[in-house]
């Protein structure tokens, strides 16, 4: 049980590294081809990262005030996370569709 906090911290760090890499890939997608899809992709990726950081900070502070506040913040965070992930997924889908259309035009 003593290694549990270390595993949680290490896992959290890996998740944030992965999300940061997704933001970098999204920036490269916009740089390579500025389309509605790539811009949505970037906005979604940044929103996910910012939302996760805000969620962590809010939950940390809510934990000091009581369980009811934690439950409220968790509910709001889940809605915000769903919206940011939908934005990112829409961007991925639009980017792929736009890239596929451009590829068929050149062939």
PDB file of N, CA and C in Angstrom:
ATOM      1  N   UNK A   1       0.805  -1.198   0.000  1.00  0.00           N
ATOM      2  CA  UNK A   1       0.000   0.000   0.000  1.00  0.00           C
ATOM      3  C   UNK A   1       0.854   1.271   0.000  1.00  0.00           C
ATOM      4  N   UNK A   2       2.083   1.160   0.458  1.00  0.00           N
ATOM      5  CA  UNK A   2       2.922   2.344   0.552  1.00  0.00           C
ATOM      6  C   UNK A   2       3.270   2.915  -0.816  1.00  0.00           C
ATOM      7  N   UNK A   3       3.309   2.059  -1.835  1.00  0.00           N
ATOM      8  CA  UNK A   3       3.673   2.534  -3.169  1.00  0.00           C
ATOM      9  C   UNK A   3       2.481   3.106  -3.936  1.00  0.00           C
ATOM     10  N   UNK A   4       1.288   3.033  -3.374  1.00  0.00           N
ATOM     11  CA  UNK A   4       0.092   3.518  -4.057  1.00  0.00           C
ATOM     12  C   UNK A   4       0.161   5.000  -4.409  1.00  0.00           C
ATOM     13  N   UNK A   5       0.543   5.910  -3.486  1.00  0.00           N
ATOM     14  CA  UNK A   5       0.651   7.320  -3.879  1.00  0.00           C
ATOM     15  C   UNK A   5       1.674   7.553  -4.983  1.00  0.00           C
ATOM     16  N   UNK A   6       2.760   6.805  -4.961  1.00  0.00           N
ATOM     17  CA  UNK A   6       3.779   6.950  -6.001  1.00  0.00           C
ATOM     18  C   UNK A   6       3.209   6.532  -7.357  1.00  0.00           C
ATOM     19  N   UNK A   7       2.452   5.447  -7.376  1.00  0.00           N
ATOM     20  CA  UNK A   7       1.827   5.001  -8.621  1.00  0.00           C
ATOM     21  C   UNK A   7       0.825   6.026  -9.132  1.00  0.00           C
ATOM     22  N   UNK A   8       0.039   6.601  -8.247  1.00  0.00           N
ATOM     23  CA  UNK A   8      -0.930   7.620  -8.646  1.00  0.00           C
ATOM     24  C   UNK A   8      -0.246   8.857  -9.210  1.00  0.00           C
ATOM     25  N   UNK A   9       0.800   9.289  -8.555  1.00  0.00           N
ATOM     26  CA  UNK A   9       1.536  10.465  -9.029  1.00  0.00           C
ATOM     27  C   UNK A   9       2.191  10.174 -10.368  1.00  0.00           C
ATOM     28  N   UNK A  10       2.839   9.022 -10.497  1.00  0.00           N
ATOM     29  CA  UNK A  10       3.510   8.661 -11.744  1.00  0.00           C
ATOM     30  C   UNK A  10       2.500   8.532 -12.886  1.00  0.00           C
ATOM     31  N   UNK A  11       1.358   7.913 -12.614  1.00  0.00           N
ATOM     32  CA  UNK A  11       0.316   7.782 -13.625  1.00  0.00           C
ATOM     33  C   UNK A  11      -0.221   9.134 -14.050  1.00  0.00           C
ATOM     34  N   UNK A  12      -0.423  10.020 -13.097  1.00  0.00           N
ATOM     35  CA  UNK A  12      -0.896  11.373 -13.414  1.00  0.00           C
ATOM     36  C   UNK A  12       0.092  12.139 -14.274  1.00  0.00           C
ATOM     37  N   UNK A  13       1.363  12.003 -13.959  1.00  0.00           N
ATOM     38  CA  UNK A  13       2.390  12.678 -14.756  1.00  0.00           C
ATOM     39  C   UNK A  13       2.391  12.146 -16.189  1.00  0.00           C
ATOM     40  N   UNK A  14       2.296  10.828 -16.338  1.00  0.00           N
ATOM     41  CA  UNK A  14       2.262  10.248 -17.684  1.00  0.00           C
ATOM     42  C   UNK A  14       1.047  10.730 -18.486  1.00  0.00           C
ATOM     43  N   UNK A  15      -0.091  10.853 -17.822  1.00  0.00           N
ATOM     44  CA  UNK A  15      -1.292  11.332 -18.514  1.00  0.00           C
ATOM     45  C   UNK A  15      -1.085  12.755 -19.005  1.00  0.00           C
ATOM     46  N   UNK A  16      -0.522  13.614 -18.162  1.00  0.00           N
ATOM     47  CA  UNK A  16      -0.299  14.997 -18.580  1.00  0.00           C
ATOM     48  C   UNK A  16       0.752  15.102 -19.681  1.00  0.00           C
ATOM     49  N   UNK A  17       1.753  14.247 -19.655  1.00  0.00           N
ATOM     50  CA  UNK A  17       2.734  14.226 -20.742  1.00  0.00           C
ATOM     51  C   UNK A  17       2.049  13.847 -22.050  1.00  0.00           C
ATOM     52  N   UNK A  18       1.188  12.825 -22.010  1.00  0.00           N
ATOM     53  CA  UNK A  18       0.469  12.406 -23.208  1.00  0.00           C
ATOM     54  C   UNK A  18      -0.429  13.522 -23.727  1.00  0.00           C
ATOM     55  N   UNK A  19      -1.124  14.200 -22.843  1.00  0.00           N
ATOM     56  CA  UNK A  19      -2.013  15.287 -23.267  1.00  0.00           C
ATOM     57  C   UNK A  19      -1.220  16.457 -23.838  1.00  0.00           C
ATOM     58  N   UNK A  20      -0.065  16.724 -23.265  1.00  0.00           N
ATOM     59  CA  UNK A  20       0.795  17.778 -23.786  1.00  0.00           C
ATOM     60  C   UNK A  20       1.295  17.416 -25.190  1.00  0.00           C
ATOM     61  N   UNK A  21       1.637  16.156 -25.395  1.00  0.00           N
ATOM     62  CA  UNK A  21       2.062  15.705 -26.723  1.00  0.00           C
ATOM     63  C   UNK A  21       0.926  15.816 -27.748  1.00  0.00           C
ATOM     64  N   UNK A  22      -0.301  15.564 -27.301  1.00  0.00           N
ATOM     65  CA  UNK A  22      -1.454  15.723 -28.191  1.00  0.00           C
ATOM     66  C   UNK A  22      -1.621  17.186 -28.583  1.00  0.00           C
ATOM     67  N   UNK A  23      -1.394  18.094 -27.651  1.00  0.00           N
ATOM     68  CA  UNK A  23      -1.460  19.525 -27.971  1.00  0.00           C
ATOM     69  C   UNK A  23      -0.387  19.877 -28.996  1.00  0.00           C
ATOM     70  N   UNK A  24       0.818  19.357 -28.818  1.00  0.00           N
ATOM     71  CA  UNK A  24       1.900  19.620 -29.782  1.00  0.00           C
ATOM     72  C   UNK A  24       1.530  19.070 -31.163  1.00  0.00           C
ATOM     73  N   UNK A  25       0.990  17.850 -31.209  1.00  0.00           N
ATOM     74  CA  UNK A  25       0.574  17.272 -32.488  1.00  0.00           C
ATOM     75  C   UNK A  25      -0.532  18.113 -33.129  1.00  0.00           C
ATOM     76  N   UNK A  26      -1.423  18.654 -32.325  1.00  0.00           N
ATOM     77  CA  UNK A  26      -2.494  19.499 -32.848  1.00  0.00           C
ATOM     78  C   UNK A  26      -1.937  20.803 -33.416  1.00  0.00           C
ATOM     79  N   UNK A  27      -0.939  21.360 -32.744  1.00  0.00           N
ATOM     80  CA  UNK A  27      -0.282  22.571 -33.261  1.00  0.00           C
ATOM     81  C   UNK A  27       0.363  22.272 -34.606  1.00  0.00           C
ATOM     82  N   UNK A  28       1.014  21.122 -34.704  1.00  0.00           N
ATOM     83  CA  UNK A  28       1.641  20.737 -35.974  1.00  0.00           C
ATOM     84  C   UNK A  28       0.596  20.532 -37.072  1.00  0.00           C
ATOM     85  N   UNK A  29      -0.565  19.985 -36.709  1.00  0.00           N
ATOM     86  CA  UNK A  29      -1.636  19.794 -37.692  1.00  0.00           C
ATOM     87  C   UNK A  29      -2.124  21.134 -38.222  1.00  0.00           C
ATOM     88  N   UNK A  30      -2.268  22.122 -37.340  1.00  0.00           N
ATOM     89  CA  UNK A  30      -2.690  23.462 -37.780  1.00  0.00           C
ATOM     90  C   UNK A  30      -1.606  24.096 -38.626  1.00  0.00           C
ATOM     91  N   UNK A  31      -0.353  23.928 -38.217  1.00  0.00           N
ATOM     92  CA  UNK A  31       0.760  24.498 -38.968  1.00  0.00           C
ATOM     93  C   UNK A  31       0.846  23.890 -40.361  1.00  0.00           C
ATOM     94  N   UNK A  32       0.642  22.577 -40.443  1.00  0.00           N
ATOM     95  CA  UNK A  32       0.727  21.886 -41.732  1.00  0.00           C
ATOM     96  C   UNK A  32      -0.439  22.248 -42.644  1.00  0.00           C
ATOM     97  N   UNK A  33      -1.632  22.289 -42.072  1.00  0.00           N
ATOM     98  CA  UNK A  33      -2.817  22.526 -42.883  1.00  0.00           C
ATOM     99  C   UNK A  33      -3.868  23.213 -42.028  1.00  0.00           C
ATOM    100  N   UNK A  34      -4.033  24.508 -42.230  1.00  0.00           N
ATOM    101  CA  UNK A  34      -4.996  25.258 -41.428  1.00  0.00           C
ATOM    102  C   UNK A  34      -6.395  25.066 -42.007  1.00  0.00           C
ATOM    103  N   UNK A  35      -7.159  24.200 -41.353  1.00  0.00           N
ATOM    104  CA  UNK A  35      -8.540  23.942 -41.744  1.00  0.00           C
ATOM    105  C   UNK A  35      -9.417  24.057 -40.504  1.00  0.00           C
ATOM    106  N   UNK A  36     -10.709  24.016 -40.721  1.00  0.00           N
ATOM    107  CA  UNK A  36     -11.633  24.039 -39.590  1.00  0.00           C
ATOM    108  C   UNK A  36     -11.360  22.856 -38.669  1.00  0.00           C
ATOM    109  N   UNK A  37     -11.119  21.693 -39.261  1.00  0.00           N
ATOM    110  CA  UNK A  37     -10.857  20.501 -38.464  1.00  0.00           C
ATOM    111  C   UNK A  37      -9.607  20.619 -37.612  1.00  0.00           C
ATOM    112  N   UNK A  38      -8.531  21.121 -38.190  1.00  0.00           N
ATOM    113  CA  UNK A  38      -7.289  21.228 -37.425  1.00  0.00           C
ATOM    114  C   UNK A  38      -7.404  22.273 -36.317  1.00  0.00           C
ATOM    115  N   UNK A  39      -8.143  23.334 -36.576  1.00  0.00           N
ATOM    116  CA  UNK A  39      -8.332  24.362 -35.552  1.00  0.00           C
ATOM    117  C   UNK A  39      -9.195  23.819 -34.409  1.00  0.00           C
ATOM    118  N   UNK A  40     -10.270  23.092 -34.749  1.00  0.00           N
ATOM    119  CA  UNK A  40     -11.087  22.461 -33.709  1.00  0.00           C
ATOM    120  C   UNK A  40     -10.272  21.448 -32.912  1.00  0.00           C
ATOM    121  N   UNK A  41      -9.421  20.734 -33.606  1.00  0.00           N
ATOM    122  CA  UNK A  41      -8.532  19.767 -32.975  1.00  0.00           C
ATOM    123  C   UNK A  41      -7.655  20.453 -31.929  1.00  0.00           C
ATOM    124  N   UNK A  42      -7.057  21.569 -32.309  1.00  0.00           N
ATOM    125  CA  UNK A  42      -6.183  22.311 -31.405  1.00  0.00           C
ATOM    126  C   UNK A  42      -6.967  22.904 -30.236  1.00  0.00           C
ATOM    127  N   UNK A  43      -8.090  23.524 -30.521  1.00  0.00           N
ATOM    128  CA  UNK A  43      -8.901  24.110 -29.450  1.00  0.00           C
ATOM    129  C   UNK A  43      -9.358  23.022 -28.477  1.00  0.00           C
ATOM    130  N   UNK A  44      -9.770  21.878 -29.013  1.00  0.00           N
ATOM    131  CA  UNK A  44     -10.198  20.777 -28.158  1.00  0.00           C
ATOM    132  C   UNK A  44      -9.074  20.247 -27.291  1.00  0.00           C
ATOM    133  N   UNK A  45      -7.895  20.078 -27.872  1.00  0.00           N
ATOM    134  CA  UNK A  45      -6.750  19.552 -27.114  1.00  0.00           C
ATOM    135  C   UNK A  45      -6.341  20.505 -26.000  1.00  0.00           C
ATOM    136  N   UNK A  46      -6.298  21.791 -26.313  1.00  0.00           N
ATOM    137  CA  UNK A  46      -5.941  22.781 -25.286  1.00  0.00           C
ATOM    138  C   UNK A  46      -7.022  22.829 -24.203  1.00  0.00           C
ATOM    139  N   UNK A  47      -8.285  22.761 -24.623  1.00  0.00           N
ATOM    140  CA  UNK A  47      -9.395  22.784 -23.664  1.00  0.00           C
ATOM    141  C   UNK A  47      -9.340  21.593 -22.713  1.00  0.00           C
ATOM    142  N   UNK A  48      -9.011  20.440 -23.243  1.00  0.00           N
ATOM    143  CA  UNK A  48      -8.891  19.243 -22.400  1.00  0.00           C
ATOM    144  C   UNK A  48      -7.791  19.435 -21.361  1.00  0.00           C
ATOM    145  N   UNK A  49      -6.652  19.915 -21.793  1.00  0.00           N
ATOM    146  CA  UNK A  49      -5.525  20.113 -20.882  1.00  0.00           C
ATOM    147  C   UNK A  49      -5.845  21.158 -19.817  1.00  0.00           C
ATOM    148  N   UNK A  50      -6.392  22.287 -20.235  1.00  0.00           N
ATOM    149  CA  UNK A  50      -6.743  23.346 -19.280  1.00  0.00           C
ATOM    150  C   UNK A  50      -7.843  22.867 -18.332  1.00  0.00           C
ATOM    151  N   UNK A  51      -8.828  22.163 -18.882  1.00  0.00           N
ATOM    152  CA  UNK A  51      -9.911  21.641 -18.051  1.00  0.00           C
ATOM    153  C   UNK A  51      -9.424  20.659 -17.009  1.00  0.00           C
ATOM    154  N   UNK A  52      -8.478  19.818 -17.373  1.00  0.00           N
ATOM    155  CA  UNK A  52      -7.925  18.854 -16.417  1.00  0.00           C
ATOM    156  C   UNK A  52      -7.163  19.541 -15.289  1.00  0.00           C
ATOM    157  N   UNK A  53      -6.382  20.545 -15.641  1.00  0.00           N
ATOM    158  CA  UNK A  53      -5.637  21.278 -14.614  1.00  0.00           C
ATOM    159  C   UNK A  53      -6.622  22.000 -13.691  1.00  0.00           C
ATOM    160  N   UNK A  54      -7.613  22.658 -14.279  1.00  0.00           N
ATOM    161  CA  UNK A  54      -8.618  23.363 -13.469  1.00  0.00           C
ATOM    162  C   UNK A  54      -9.377  22.386 -12.576  1.00  0.00           C
ATOM    163  N   UNK A  55      -9.699  21.220 -13.114  1.00  0.00           N
ATOM    164  CA  UNK A  55     -10.406  20.205 -12.343  1.00  0.00           C
ATOM    165  C   UNK A  55      -9.592  19.766 -11.131  1.00  0.00           C
ATOM    166  N   UNK A  56      -8.327  19.538 -11.336  1.00  0.00           N
ATOM    167  CA  UNK A  56      -7.453  19.117 -10.245  1.00  0.00           C
ATOM    168  C   UNK A  56      -7.383  20.186  -9.163  1.00  0.00           C
ATOM    169  N   UNK A  57      -7.225  21.431  -9.574  1.00  0.00           N
ATOM    170  CA  UNK A  57      -7.140  22.533  -8.609  1.00  0.00           C
ATOM    171  C   UNK A  57      -8.463  22.688  -7.853  1.00  0.00           C
ATOM    172  N   UNK A  58      -9.580  22.655  -8.591  1.00  0.00           N
ATOM    173  CA  UNK A  58     -10.890  22.808  -7.948  1.00  0.00           C
ATOM    174  C   UNK A  58     -11.179  21.671  -6.973  1.00  0.00           C
ATOM    175  N   UNK A  59     -10.855  20.452  -7.373  1.00  0.00           N
ATOM    176  CA  UNK A  59     -11.090  19.318  -6.474  1.00  0.00           C
ATOM    177  C   UNK A  59     -10.205  19.380  -5.232  1.00  0.00           C
ATOM    178  N   UNK A  60      -9.001  19.855  -5.414  1.00  0.00           N
ATOM    179  CA  UNK A  60      -8.097  19.997  -4.266  1.00  0.00           C
ATOM    180  C   UNK A  60      -8.687  20.964  -3.236  1.00  0.00           C
ATOM    181  N   UNK A  61      -9.170  22.099  -3.722  1.00  0.00           N
ATOM    182  CA  UNK A  61      -9.754  23.090  -2.820  1.00  0.00           C
ATOM    183  C   UNK A  61     -11.119  22.641  -2.285  1.00  0.00           C
ATOM    184  N   UNK A  62     -11.888  21.941  -3.104  1.00  0.00           N
ATOM    185  CA  UNK A  62     -13.200  21.455  -2.660  1.00  0.00           C
ATOM    186  C   UNK A  62     -13.049  20.411  -1.563  1.00  0.00           C
ATOM    187  N   UNK A  63     -11.987  19.638  -1.620  1.00  0.00           N
ATOM    188  CA  UNK A  63     -11.747  18.620  -0.607  1.00  0.00           C
ATOM    189  C   UNK A  63     -11.591  19.204   0.785  1.00  0.00           C
ATOM    190  N   UNK A  64     -11.173  20.439   0.856  1.00  0.00           N
ATOM    191  CA  UNK A  64     -11.005  21.096   2.153  1.00  0.00           C
ATOM    192  C   UNK A  64     -12.338  21.556   2.739  1.00  0.00           C
ATOM    193  N   UNK A  65     -13.353  21.728   1.868  1.00  0.00           N
ATOM    194  CA  UNK A  65     -14.626  22.257   2.350  1.00  0.00           C
ATOM    195  C   UNK A  65     -15.644  21.174   2.682  1.00  0.00           C
ATOM    196  N   UNK A  66     -15.473  19.984   2.126  1.00  0.00           N
ATOM    197  CA  UNK A  66     -16.388  18.912   2.474  1.00  0.00           C
ATOM    198  C   UNK A  66     -16.799  18.060   1.294  1.00  0.00           C
ATOM    199  N   UNK A  67     -17.424  16.948   1.623  1.00  0.00           N
ATOM    200  CA  UNK A  67     -17.791  15.957   0.606  1.00  0.00           C
ATOM    201  C   UNK A  67     -18.837  16.481  -0.371  1.00  0.00           C
ATOM    202  N   UNK A  68     -19.785  17.268   0.103  1.00  0.00           N
ATOM    203  CA  UNK A  68     -20.838  17.775  -0.781  1.00  0.00           C
ATOM    204  C   UNK A  68     -20.254  18.656  -1.884  1.00  0.00           C
ATOM    205  N   UNK A  69     -19.299  19.489  -1.532  1.00  0.00           N
ATOM    206  CA  UNK A  69     -18.650  20.352  -2.524  1.00  0.00           C
ATOM    207  C   UNK A  69     -17.855  19.521  -3.527  1.00  0.00           C
ATOM    208  N   UNK A  70     -17.214  18.458  -3.067  1.00  0.00           N
ATOM    209  CA  UNK A  70     -16.461  17.575  -3.969  1.00  0.00           C
ATOM    210  C   UNK A  70     -17.398  16.932  -4.986  1.00  0.00           C
ATOM    211  N   UNK A  71     -18.572  16.490  -4.527  1.00  0.00           N
ATOM    212  CA  UNK A  71     -19.541  15.865  -5.426  1.00  0.00           C
ATOM    213  C   UNK A  71     -20.029  16.872  -6.464  1.00  0.00           C
ATOM    214  N   UNK A  72     -20.306  18.105  -6.048  1.00  0.00           N
ATOM    215  CA  UNK A  72     -20.746  19.145  -6.989  1.00  0.00           C
ATOM    216  C   UNK A  72     -19.678  19.435  -8.034  1.00  0.00           C
ATOM    217  N   UNK A  73     -18.452  19.618  -7.572  1.00  0.00           N
ATOM    218  CA  UNK A  73     -17.345  19.925  -8.491  1.00  0.00           C
ATOM    219  C   UNK A  73     -17.117  18.752  -9.445  1.00  0.00           C
ATOM    220  N   UNK A  74     -17.210  17.536  -8.962  1.00  0.00           N
ATOM    221  CA  UNK A  74     -17.030  16.358  -9.806  1.00  0.00           C
ATOM    222  C   UNK A  74     -18.085  16.322 -10.909  1.00  0.00           C
ATOM    223  N   UNK A  75     -19.322  16.648 -10.582  1.00  0.00           N
ATOM    224  CA  UNK A  75     -20.380  16.685 -11.588  1.00  0.00           C
ATOM    225  C   UNK A  75     -20.132  17.727 -12.658  1.00  0.00           C
ATOM    226  N   UNK A  76     -19.762  18.922 -12.244  1.00  0.00           N
ATOM    227  CA  UNK A  76     -19.465  19.993 -13.204  1.00  0.00           C
ATOM    228  C   UNK A  76     -18.259  19.609 -14.054  1.00  0.00           C
ATOM    229  N   UNK A  77     -17.230  19.056 -13.421  1.00  0.00           N
ATOM    230  CA  UNK A  77     -16.030  18.652 -14.153  1.00  0.00           C
ATOM    231  C   UNK A  77     -16.344  17.592 -15.207  1.00  0.00           C
ATOM    232  N   UNK A  78     -17.237  16.674 -14.894  1.00  0.00           N
ATOM    233  CA  UNK A  78     -17.567  15.629 -15.865  1.00  0.00           C
ATOM    234  C   UNK A  78     -18.275  16.219 -17.081  1.00  0.00           C
ATOM    235  N   UNK A  79     -19.136  17.212 -16.872  1.00  0.00           N
ATOM    236  CA  UNK A  79     -19.794  17.872 -18.003  1.00  0.00           C
ATOM    237  C   UNK A  79     -18.797  18.650 -18.852  1.00  0.00           C
ATOM    238  N   UNK A  80     -17.907  19.370 -18.204  1.00  0.00           N
ATOM    239  CA  UNK A  80     -16.893  20.133 -18.937  1.00  0.00           C
ATOM    240  C   UNK A  80     -15.973  19.183 -19.705  1.00  0.00           C
ATOM    241  N   UNK A  81     -15.566  18.093 -19.074  1.00  0.00           N
ATOM    242  CA  UNK A  81     -14.693  17.121 -19.748  1.00  0.00           C
ATOM    243  C   UNK A  81     -15.386  16.508 -20.951  1.00  0.00           C
ATOM    244  N   UNK A  82     -16.668  16.198 -20.823  1.00  0.00           N
ATOM    245  CA  UNK A  82     -17.410  15.631 -21.951  1.00  0.00           C
ATOM    246  C   UNK A  82     -17.444  16.619 -23.117  1.00  0.00           C
ATOM    247  N   UNK A  83     -17.688  17.882 -22.825  1.00  0.00           N
ATOM    248  CA  UNK A  83     -17.744  18.899 -23.887  1.00  0.00           C
ATOM    249  C   UNK A  83     -16.387  19.088 -24.564  1.00  0.00           C
ATOM    250  N   UNK A  84     -15.321  19.130 -23.776  1.00  0.00           N
ATOM    251  CA  UNK A  84     -13.994  19.322 -24.374  1.00  0.00           C
ATOM    252  C   UNK A  84     -13.580  18.110 -25.201  1.00  0.00           C
ATOM    253  N   UNK A  85     -13.919  16.918 -24.744  1.00  0.00           N
ATOM    254  CA  UNK A  85     -13.593  15.719 -25.518  1.00  0.00           C
ATOM    255  C   UNK A  85     -14.428  15.637 -26.795  1.00  0.00           C
ATOM    256  N   UNK A  86     -15.684  16.061 -26.734  1.00  0.00           N
ATOM    257  CA  UNK A  86     -16.509  16.104 -27.947  1.00  0.00           C
ATOM    258  C   UNK A  86     -15.949  17.103 -28.951  1.00  0.00           C
ATOM    259  N   UNK A  87     -15.472  18.236 -28.473  1.00  0.00           N
ATOM    260  CA  UNK A  87     -14.858  19.224 -29.353  1.00  0.00           C
ATOM    261  C   UNK A  87     -13.618  18.645 -30.024  1.00  0.00           C
ATOM    262  N   UNK A  88     -12.786  17.979 -29.252  1.00  0.00           N
ATOM    263  CA  UNK A  88     -11.580  17.356 -29.805  1.00  0.00           C
ATOM    264  C   UNK A  88     -11.941  16.275 -30.819  1.00  0.00           C
ATOM    265  N   UNK A  89     -12.899  15.425 -30.476  1.00  0.00           N
ATOM    266  CA  UNK A  89     -13.308  14.345 -31.383  1.00  0.00           C
ATOM    267  C   UNK A  89     -13.898  14.902 -32.677  1.00  0.00           C
ATOM    268  N   UNK A  90     -14.666  15.969 -32.574  1.00  0.00           N
ATOM    269  CA  UNK A  90     -15.215  16.614 -33.769  1.00  0.00           C
ATOM    270  C   UNK A  90     -14.089  17.154 -34.640  1.00  0.00           C
ATOM    271  N   UNK A  91     -13.086  17.740 -34.002  1.00  0.00           N
ATOM    272  CA  UNK A  91     -11.925  18.239 -34.740  1.00  0.00           C
ATOM    273  C   UNK A  91     -11.169  17.126 -35.441  1.00  0.00           C
ATOM    274  N   UNK A  92     -10.980  16.002 -34.768  1.00  0.00           N
ATOM    275  CA  UNK A  92     -10.290  14.860 -35.384  1.00  0.00           C
ATOM    276  C   UNK A  92     -11.072  14.376 -36.603  1.00  0.00           C
ATOM    277  N   UNK A  93     -12.367  14.204 -36.423  1.00  0.00           N
ATOM    278  CA  UNK A  93     -13.211  13.724 -37.517  1.00  0.00           C
ATOM    279  C   UNK A  93     -13.201  14.698 -38.696  1.00  0.00           C
ATOM    280  N   UNK A  94     -13.363  15.977 -38.425  1.00  0.00           N
ATOM    281  CA  UNK A  94     -13.363  16.980 -39.496  1.00  0.00           C
ATOM    282  C   UNK A  94     -12.009  17.034 -40.200  1.00  0.00           C
ATOM    283  N   UNK A  95     -10.937  16.952 -39.435  1.00  0.00           N
ATOM    284  CA  UNK A  95      -9.589  16.983 -40.023  1.00  0.00           C
ATOM    285  C   UNK A  95      -9.374  15.787 -40.951  1.00  0.00           C
ATOM    286  N   UNK A  96      -9.793  14.621 -40.514  1.00  0.00           N
ATOM    287  CA  UNK A  96      -9.625  13.419 -41.334  1.00  0.00           C
ATOM    288  C   UNK A  96     -10.461  13.516 -42.606  1.00  0.00           C
ATOM    289  N   UNK A  97     -11.707  13.960 -42.467  1.00  0.00           N
ATOM    290  CA  UNK A  97     -12.578  14.093 -43.642  1.00  0.00           C
ATOM    291  C   UNK A  97     -12.006  15.109 -44.621  1.00  0.00           C
ATOM    292  N   UNK A  98     -11.560  16.259 -44.120  1.00  0.00           N
ATOM    293  CA  UNK A  98     -10.993  17.284 -44.996  1.00  0.00           C
ATOM    294  C   UNK A  98      -9.703  16.817 -45.660  1.00  0.00           C
ATOM    295  N   UNK A  99      -8.882  16.096 -44.932  1.00  0.00           N
ATOM    296  CA  UNK A  99      -7.632  15.580 -45.498  1.00  0.00           C
ATOM    297  C   UNK A  99      -7.919  14.521 -46.558  1.00  0.00           C
ATOM    298  N   UNK A 100      -8.904  13.667 -46.298  1.00  0.00           N
ATOM    299  CA  UNK A 100      -9.267  12.635 -47.273  1.00  0.00           C
ATOM    300  C   UNK A 100      -9.828  13.263 -48.540  1.00  0.00           C
ATOM    301  N   UNK A 101     -10.629  14.309 -48.415  1.00  0.00           N
ATOM    302  CA  UNK A 101     -11.180  15.000 -49.587  1.00  0.00           C
ATOM    303  C   UNK A 101     -10.078  15.620 -50.420  1.00  0.00           C
ATOM    304  N   UNK A 102      -9.119  16.253 -49.748  1.00  0.00           N
ATOM    305  CA  UNK A 102      -7.997  16.871 -50.468  1.00  0.00           C
ATOM    306  C   UNK A 102      -7.140  15.825 -51.155  1.00  0.00           C
ATOM    307  N   UNK A 103      -6.988  14.672 -50.536  1.00  0.00           N
ATOM    308  CA  UNK A 103      -6.174  13.612 -51.110  1.00  0.00           C
ATOM    309  C   UNK A 103      -6.832  13.047 -52.361  1.00  0.00           C
ATOM    310  N   UNK A 104      -8.163  12.890 -52.346  1.00  0.00           N
ATOM    311  CA  UNK A 104      -8.854  12.370 -53.525  1.00  0.00           C
ATOM    312  C   UNK A 104      -8.859  13.397 -54.657  1.00  0.00           C
ATOM    313  N   UNK A 105      -8.807  14.679 -54.338  1.00  0.00           N
ATOM    314  CA  UNK A 105      -8.754  15.721 -55.382  1.00  0.00           C
ATOM    315  C   UNK A 105      -7.428  15.687 -56.136  1.00  0.00           C
ATOM    316  N   UNK A 106      -6.347  15.362 -55.419  1.00  0.00           N
ATOM    317  CA  UNK A 106      -5.029  15.362 -56.044  1.00  0.00           C
ATOM    318  C   UNK A 106      -4.756  14.103 -56.850  1.00  0.00           C
ATOM    319  N   UNK A 107      -5.551  13.059 -56.625  1.00  0.00           N
ATOM    320  CA  UNK A 107      -5.303  11.791 -57.338  1.00  0.00           C
ATOM    321  C   UNK A 107      -5.954  11.763 -58.671  1.00  0.00           C
TER     322      UNK A 107
END
